[in-house]
Amino acid sequence: MKKVLFFTVVLFASAVFAQAQGTYALPQTVISLEVEAVKETFHAGPYARYARKYLGIDARPSDESRCHVSAVRMVSYAEADQSRRFQLGAKAGSDQIGALTLQGLISLGGAKSADAQWRFSLDSKDDFAGRGVSSNLTEESATLYTRVSDRSVAVQQQMVVEKSLETRAMEAAGTIFKLREKKMEIVTGDTDATFSGEALGAALAEIDRLEKEYMSMFIGYSDYAPQKMSYEVIPSRDTKGQRYVAFRVSDTEGLLTPDNVSGRPYLLELVPQEMDASQEGAKVAKEPVYYRIPAVCTVRLTDGVNVLMQSRMPVYQLGIDTTM
């Protein structure tokens, strides 16, 4: 069984070199997570507080940001465990030992370069400019009093003042209802104008656009920004419970590194299957060849409560180190 697994390890790896003498390292498993998230930046409408009063609907009252994980891809690969390096002796010239050095795990000089990390662009700002066609100004009549001789005389004067926020909300709601009435008239044919073919579709599309624009003044709108990052977890025998913080997510900043405690953690949990350790660390005479039997682990990614994904994979460093 050990020989079969040994040759399986040999076959799956890439060739580096085969020398009679040299150094080799035992493999270790690295779990790579490619995470995609979507950040929603919500801009509350300026008339949100009047949505219930004039439209009979509830609207989110304030700006806020949310971020949720949309996709995760989990893969594993092997690399050299530099803490478990061994020297091949002068008698290591057999084909079998030479084949062992073809794992691509012999004195690997460079570490895997870090993946590029994509960050969100600058936070978007709300933009309600140009939405709606009603004026922000109105005329009001004011009664002024002036003294003429020994008595006061009332004088009417027109003044231009800024409309209150509620007045503008009331007018916008009135426009929405008018647009809906007009749409119903066109659909039912209860109008003096005649629409047919493309003209009918264009008219209805324009009414829908205007209604959506006015509604955004009450219910607001959202901007969505995708984000993609890669993370790596290297399991260790010394980690209690085999629980690792794989990455973190913040509603305001999106995907974060595991050490940034401002985000909520996503955990990677490993449950190794039991193995027969009777041969672990066994010694043989003269020049032994050291190799690893990986532990097959159940790997779960959770948000601390819910299991988001689960898979099974061999993890070398949690298995058995032995000799041939």
Protein backbone atom coordinates (compact mmCIF):
# COMPACT_ATOMS: atom_id res chain seq x y z
CA MET A 1 0.00 0.00 0.00
CA LYS A 2 2.82 2.37 0.91
CA LYS A 3 4.62 1.63 -2.36
CA VAL A 4 1.48 2.36 -4.37
CA LEU A 5 0.96 5.67 -2.59
CA PHE A 6 4.65 6.49 -2.91
CA PHE A 7 4.57 6.09 -6.69
CA THR A 8 1.30 8.02 -6.87
CA VAL A 9 3.04 10.94 -5.18
CA VAL A 10 5.89 10.64 -7.68
CA LEU A 11 3.62 10.65 -10.72
CA PHE A 12 1.45 13.67 -9.89
CA ALA A 13 4.33 16.14 -9.47
CA SER A 14 6.40 18.00 -12.05
CA ALA A 15 10.05 17.13 -12.79
CA VAL A 16 12.83 19.38 -11.56
CA PHE A 17 16.03 17.37 -11.77
CA ALA A 18 17.41 13.92 -11.00
CA GLN A 19 20.87 13.78 -9.53
CA ALA A 20 22.70 11.07 -7.69
CA GLN A 21 23.12 13.38 -4.72
CA GLY A 22 20.93 16.31 -3.67
CA THR A 23 18.34 17.56 -1.23
CA TYR A 24 14.65 16.90 -1.27
CA ALA A 25 11.71 18.05 0.86
CA LEU A 26 8.52 16.33 1.86
CA PRO A 27 5.35 17.77 0.37
CA GLN A 28 2.84 19.93 2.22
CA THR A 29 -0.66 20.89 1.13
CA VAL A 30 -1.71 24.50 0.58
CA ILE A 31 -5.44 25.25 0.36
CA SER A 32 -6.19 28.12 -1.98
CA LEU A 33 -9.49 30.05 -1.89
CA GLU A 34 -10.58 32.27 -4.74
CA VAL A 35 -13.30 34.48 -3.28
CA GLU A 36 -15.69 36.78 -5.11
CA ALA A 37 -17.85 39.30 -3.31
CA VAL A 38 -20.27 42.08 -4.20
CA LYS A 39 -20.40 45.34 -2.28
CA GLU A 40 -23.69 47.23 -2.32
CA THR A 41 -23.58 50.95 -1.60
CA PHE A 42 -27.12 52.16 -1.00
CA HIS A 43 -28.05 55.83 -1.41
CA ALA A 44 -31.23 56.75 0.45
CA GLY A 45 -33.69 58.94 -1.46
CA PRO A 46 -34.07 62.55 -0.30
CA TYR A 47 -37.83 61.99 0.12
CA ALA A 48 -37.51 58.67 1.96
CA ARG A 49 -39.20 59.95 5.12
CA TYR A 50 -42.31 60.84 3.13
CA ALA A 51 -42.62 57.54 1.22
CA ARG A 52 -45.16 56.10 3.67
CA LYS A 53 -47.22 59.31 3.75
CA TYR A 54 -47.52 59.97 0.02
CA LEU A 55 -46.95 56.55 -1.61
CA GLY A 56 -47.93 54.10 1.12
CA ILE A 57 -44.60 52.27 0.99
CA ASP A 58 -41.64 51.90 3.34
CA ALA A 59 -38.24 53.10 2.20
CA ARG A 60 -34.78 52.60 3.64
CA PRO A 61 -34.16 55.84 5.53
CA SER A 62 -30.36 56.19 5.42
CA ASP A 63 -27.26 55.44 3.36
CA GLU A 64 -25.57 52.13 4.09
CA SER A 65 -23.11 49.61 2.67
CA ARG A 66 -23.34 45.84 2.58
CA CYS A 67 -20.97 43.19 1.28
CA HIS A 68 -21.77 39.53 0.66
CA VAL A 69 -19.73 36.63 -0.69
CA SER A 70 -21.07 35.63 -4.10
CA ALA A 71 -18.73 32.76 -5.05
CA VAL A 72 -15.87 30.70 -3.62
CA ARG A 73 -13.57 28.27 -5.43
CA MET A 74 -11.41 26.00 -3.27
CA VAL A 75 -8.42 24.12 -4.69
CA SER A 76 -5.34 22.51 -3.19
CA TYR A 77 -1.81 21.99 -4.42
CA ALA A 78 1.44 20.65 -3.02
CA GLU A 79 4.63 22.52 -2.39
CA ALA A 80 7.89 21.80 -0.58
CA ASP A 81 7.78 21.76 3.21
CA GLN A 82 11.14 23.40 3.92
CA SER A 83 10.99 22.28 7.56
CA ARG A 84 11.23 18.64 6.38
CA ARG A 85 14.28 18.50 4.10
CA PHE A 86 16.56 15.51 3.69
CA GLN A 87 19.90 14.81 2.05
CA LEU A 88 20.22 12.02 -0.48
CA GLY A 89 23.25 9.87 0.21
CA ALA A 90 25.91 8.54 -2.17
CA LYS A 91 23.93 5.32 -2.73
CA ALA A 92 20.84 7.21 -3.89
CA GLY A 93 21.58 6.51 -7.52
CA SER A 94 18.93 3.88 -8.10
CA ASP A 95 16.05 4.57 -10.42
CA GLN A 96 13.65 4.46 -7.51
CA ILE A 97 15.44 7.13 -5.50
CA GLY A 98 16.01 9.16 -8.63
CA ALA A 99 12.30 9.03 -9.28
CA LEU A 100 11.66 10.38 -5.81
CA THR A 101 13.53 13.52 -6.75
CA LEU A 102 11.14 14.06 -9.67
CA GLN A 103 8.41 15.32 -7.36
CA GLY A 104 9.28 18.95 -7.92
CA LEU A 105 9.80 19.24 -4.18
CA ILE A 106 13.59 19.22 -4.11
CA SER A 107 15.21 22.35 -2.70
CA LEU A 108 12.65 24.64 -4.33
CA GLY A 109 14.34 28.01 -4.41
CA GLY A 110 11.45 30.47 -4.66
CA ALA A 111 8.15 30.72 -2.89
CA LYS A 112 4.97 31.06 -4.84
CA SER A 113 4.40 34.70 -5.65
CA ALA A 114 1.40 36.36 -4.09
CA ASP A 115 -1.70 36.66 -6.21
CA ALA A 116 -2.73 40.13 -7.31
CA GLN A 117 -5.41 41.55 -5.05
CA TRP A 118 -8.16 43.69 -6.49
CA ARG A 119 -9.54 46.46 -4.34
CA PHE A 120 -12.75 48.40 -4.66
CA SER A 121 -12.63 51.66 -6.52
CA LEU A 122 -13.40 54.88 -4.67
CA ASP A 123 -16.69 54.85 -2.80
CA SER A 124 -19.52 56.10 -4.97
CA LYS A 125 -21.44 59.24 -4.02
CA ASP A 126 -25.17 59.68 -4.32
CA ASP A 127 -26.37 61.59 -7.35
CA PHE A 128 -29.99 62.69 -7.49
CA ALA A 129 -29.21 65.75 -9.62
CA GLY A 130 -31.49 66.08 -12.61
CA ARG A 131 -34.05 63.57 -11.35
CA GLY A 132 -37.52 65.02 -11.58
CA VAL A 133 -38.56 68.10 -13.52
CA SER A 134 -40.42 70.14 -10.91
CA SER A 135 -38.91 73.39 -9.71
CA ASN A 136 -37.46 73.85 -6.25
CA LEU A 137 -38.89 77.37 -6.12
CA THR A 138 -42.41 78.63 -5.68
CA GLU A 139 -44.21 81.93 -5.31
CA GLU A 140 -45.88 82.95 -2.08
CA SER A 141 -48.08 85.90 -1.30
CA ALA A 142 -47.08 87.91 1.72
CA THR A 143 -49.03 90.68 3.36
CA LEU A 144 -46.87 93.59 4.39
CA TYR A 145 -48.01 96.50 6.47
CA THR A 146 -46.82 100.05 6.07
CA ARG A 147 -47.83 103.18 7.88
CA VAL A 148 -49.53 105.90 5.90
CA SER A 149 -50.04 108.97 8.04
CA ASP A 150 -51.53 107.64 11.24
CA ARG A 151 -52.81 104.26 10.07
CA SER A 152 -51.46 100.94 8.76
CA VAL A 153 -52.16 99.89 5.17
CA ALA A 154 -51.92 96.24 3.96
CA VAL A 155 -49.83 95.78 0.82
CA GLN A 156 -49.73 92.45 -1.12
CA GLN A 157 -46.31 91.43 -2.41
CA GLN A 158 -45.16 88.29 -4.30
CA MET A 159 -41.95 86.63 -3.12
CA VAL A 160 -39.96 83.75 -4.56
CA VAL A 161 -39.01 81.26 -1.84
CA GLU A 162 -37.54 77.76 -1.79
CA LYS A 163 -40.06 74.93 -1.52
CA SER A 164 -39.88 72.77 1.56
CA LEU A 165 -38.63 69.22 1.25
CA GLU A 166 -42.09 67.85 2.00
CA THR A 167 -43.68 70.05 -0.67
CA ARG A 168 -41.27 68.72 -3.26
CA ALA A 169 -41.95 65.17 -2.09
CA MET A 170 -45.70 65.73 -2.43
CA GLU A 171 -45.27 67.07 -5.98
CA ALA A 172 -43.04 64.14 -6.94
CA ALA A 173 -45.62 61.69 -5.61
CA GLY A 174 -48.31 63.49 -7.61
CA THR A 175 -46.21 63.14 -10.76
CA ILE A 176 -45.80 59.41 -10.13
CA PHE A 177 -49.56 58.93 -9.92
CA LYS A 178 -50.08 60.99 -13.08
CA LEU A 179 -47.56 58.85 -14.95
CA ARG A 180 -49.35 55.70 -13.82
CA GLU A 181 -52.69 57.12 -14.92
CA LYS A 182 -51.25 58.06 -18.30
CA LYS A 183 -49.79 54.57 -18.73
CA MET A 184 -53.18 53.04 -17.95
CA GLU A 185 -54.87 55.33 -20.48
CA ILE A 186 -52.41 54.34 -23.21
CA VAL A 187 -52.69 50.62 -22.46
CA THR A 188 -56.50 50.69 -22.39
CA GLY A 189 -56.77 53.06 -25.38
CA ASP A 190 -58.56 55.68 -23.28
CA THR A 191 -56.66 58.57 -24.81
CA ASP A 192 -57.00 60.96 -27.72
CA ALA A 193 -53.51 60.11 -28.94
CA THR A 194 -53.04 57.03 -31.08
CA PHE A 195 -50.10 54.70 -30.36
CA SER A 196 -49.25 51.60 -32.30
CA GLY A 197 -46.28 49.37 -33.00
CA GLU A 198 -42.93 50.81 -31.99
CA ALA A 199 -44.49 54.11 -30.94
CA LEU A 200 -46.57 52.34 -28.30
CA GLY A 201 -43.55 50.51 -26.93
CA ALA A 202 -41.42 53.67 -26.90
CA ALA A 203 -44.13 55.65 -25.08
CA LEU A 204 -44.57 53.00 -22.39
CA ALA A 205 -40.79 52.65 -21.96
CA GLU A 206 -40.41 56.38 -21.47
CA ILE A 207 -43.20 56.46 -18.88
CA ASP A 208 -41.53 53.56 -17.04
CA ARG A 209 -38.22 55.40 -17.09
CA LEU A 210 -39.73 58.57 -15.66
CA GLU A 211 -41.63 56.68 -12.99
CA LYS A 212 -38.49 54.81 -11.95
CA GLU A 213 -36.59 58.10 -11.78
CA TYR A 214 -39.18 59.73 -9.55
CA MET A 215 -39.48 56.60 -7.39
CA SER A 216 -35.74 56.66 -6.73
CA MET A 217 -36.24 59.98 -4.98
CA PHE A 218 -38.25 58.05 -2.38
CA ILE A 219 -36.78 54.54 -2.30
CA GLY A 220 -33.19 55.42 -3.26
CA TYR A 221 -30.89 53.31 -5.41
CA SER A 222 -27.84 51.06 -5.08
CA ASP A 223 -24.44 50.84 -6.71
CA TYR A 224 -22.82 47.39 -6.95
CA ALA A 225 -19.07 46.80 -7.07
CA PRO A 226 -17.58 43.30 -7.57
CA GLN A 227 -14.39 42.26 -5.83
CA LYS A 228 -12.14 39.24 -6.25
CA MET A 229 -9.27 38.12 -4.01
CA SER A 230 -7.23 34.98 -3.38
CA TYR A 231 -6.26 33.57 0.00
CA GLU A 232 -4.10 30.66 1.07
CA VAL A 233 -4.29 28.50 4.18
CA ILE A 234 -1.40 26.21 5.14
CA PRO A 235 -2.65 23.68 7.70
CA SER A 236 -0.38 22.86 10.63
CA ARG A 237 -0.32 20.02 13.12
CA ASP A 238 0.09 22.61 15.90
CA THR A 239 -3.26 24.32 15.26
CA LYS A 240 -5.77 23.26 17.88
CA GLY A 241 -9.09 22.06 16.51
CA GLN A 242 -7.82 22.62 12.94
CA ARG A 243 -9.82 25.87 12.60
CA TYR A 244 -8.35 28.70 10.53
CA VAL A 245 -9.58 32.18 9.70
CA ALA A 246 -9.45 32.01 5.90
CA PHE A 247 -10.50 35.62 5.23
CA ARG A 248 -12.74 38.36 6.58
CA VAL A 249 -15.57 40.45 5.13
CA SER A 250 -16.47 44.03 6.03
CA ASP A 251 -19.65 45.76 4.89
CA THR A 252 -17.74 48.98 4.29
CA GLU A 253 -14.40 47.69 2.96
CA GLY A 254 -15.30 44.35 1.41
CA LEU A 255 -12.89 41.39 1.44
CA LEU A 256 -10.12 41.65 4.03
CA THR A 257 -7.08 39.64 5.07
CA PRO A 258 -7.44 37.17 7.97
CA ASP A 259 -5.52 39.41 10.37
CA ASN A 260 -7.76 42.45 9.83
CA VAL A 261 -10.17 42.13 12.77
CA SER A 262 -12.48 44.88 11.49
CA GLY A 263 -14.31 42.29 9.35
CA ARG A 264 -16.36 39.24 10.28
CA PRO A 265 -14.40 35.99 9.93
CA TYR A 266 -14.97 33.11 7.54
CA LEU A 267 -13.54 29.90 8.97
CA LEU A 268 -11.90 26.91 7.31
CA GLU A 269 -12.32 23.75 9.38
CA LEU A 270 -10.42 20.50 8.72
CA VAL A 271 -11.49 17.13 10.10
CA PRO A 272 -8.78 14.52 9.36
CA GLN A 273 -9.76 10.87 9.11
CA GLU A 274 -8.13 8.54 11.59
CA MET A 275 -4.96 6.83 10.35
CA ASP A 276 -2.87 3.89 11.53
CA ALA A 277 0.16 5.61 13.03
CA SER A 278 1.99 2.40 13.95
CA GLN A 279 4.59 3.01 11.24
CA GLU A 280 5.02 6.70 11.87
CA GLY A 281 8.64 7.62 12.42
CA ALA A 282 9.85 4.05 11.89
CA LYS A 283 13.57 3.79 11.20
CA VAL A 284 15.35 1.60 8.70
CA ALA A 285 19.02 0.82 8.36
CA LYS A 286 21.55 2.86 6.44
CA GLU A 287 19.97 5.32 4.00
CA PRO A 288 16.17 5.53 4.40
CA VAL A 289 13.89 7.40 2.05
CA TYR A 290 11.42 9.58 3.95
CA TYR A 291 7.97 10.19 2.58
CA ARG A 292 4.51 11.24 3.70
CA ILE A 293 1.15 9.52 3.66
CA PRO A 294 -1.46 12.32 3.52
CA ALA A 295 -4.49 12.45 5.78
CA VAL A 296 -7.76 12.67 3.91
CA CYS A 297 -9.64 15.57 5.50
CA THR A 298 -13.18 16.87 5.34
CA VAL A 299 -12.75 20.59 4.69
CA ARG A 300 -15.58 23.02 5.50
CA LEU A 301 -15.86 26.75 4.88
CA THR A 302 -18.28 28.46 7.27
CA ASP A 303 -19.28 31.99 8.19
CA GLY A 304 -19.21 30.95 11.82
CA VAL A 305 -22.79 29.62 11.68
CA ASN A 306 -23.64 28.31 8.22
CA VAL A 307 -21.61 25.84 6.13
CA LEU A 308 -20.98 27.52 2.78
CA MET A 309 -19.10 24.68 1.10
CA GLN A 310 -17.60 21.30 1.97
CA SER A 311 -15.13 19.02 0.23
CA ARG A 312 -12.64 16.21 0.86
CA MET A 313 -8.95 16.52 0.09
CA PRO A 314 -5.63 14.93 1.12
CA VAL A 315 -3.49 17.09 3.42
CA TYR A 316 0.11 15.85 3.59
CA GLN A 317 1.33 17.60 6.72
CA LEU A 318 -1.57 16.26 8.80
CA GLY A 319 -0.77 12.68 7.78
CA ILE A 320 2.08 10.30 8.68
CA ASP A 321 5.81 10.79 8.07
CA THR A 322 7.51 7.47 7.58
CA THR A 323 10.35 5.78 5.70
CA MET A 324 10.86 3.34 2.89
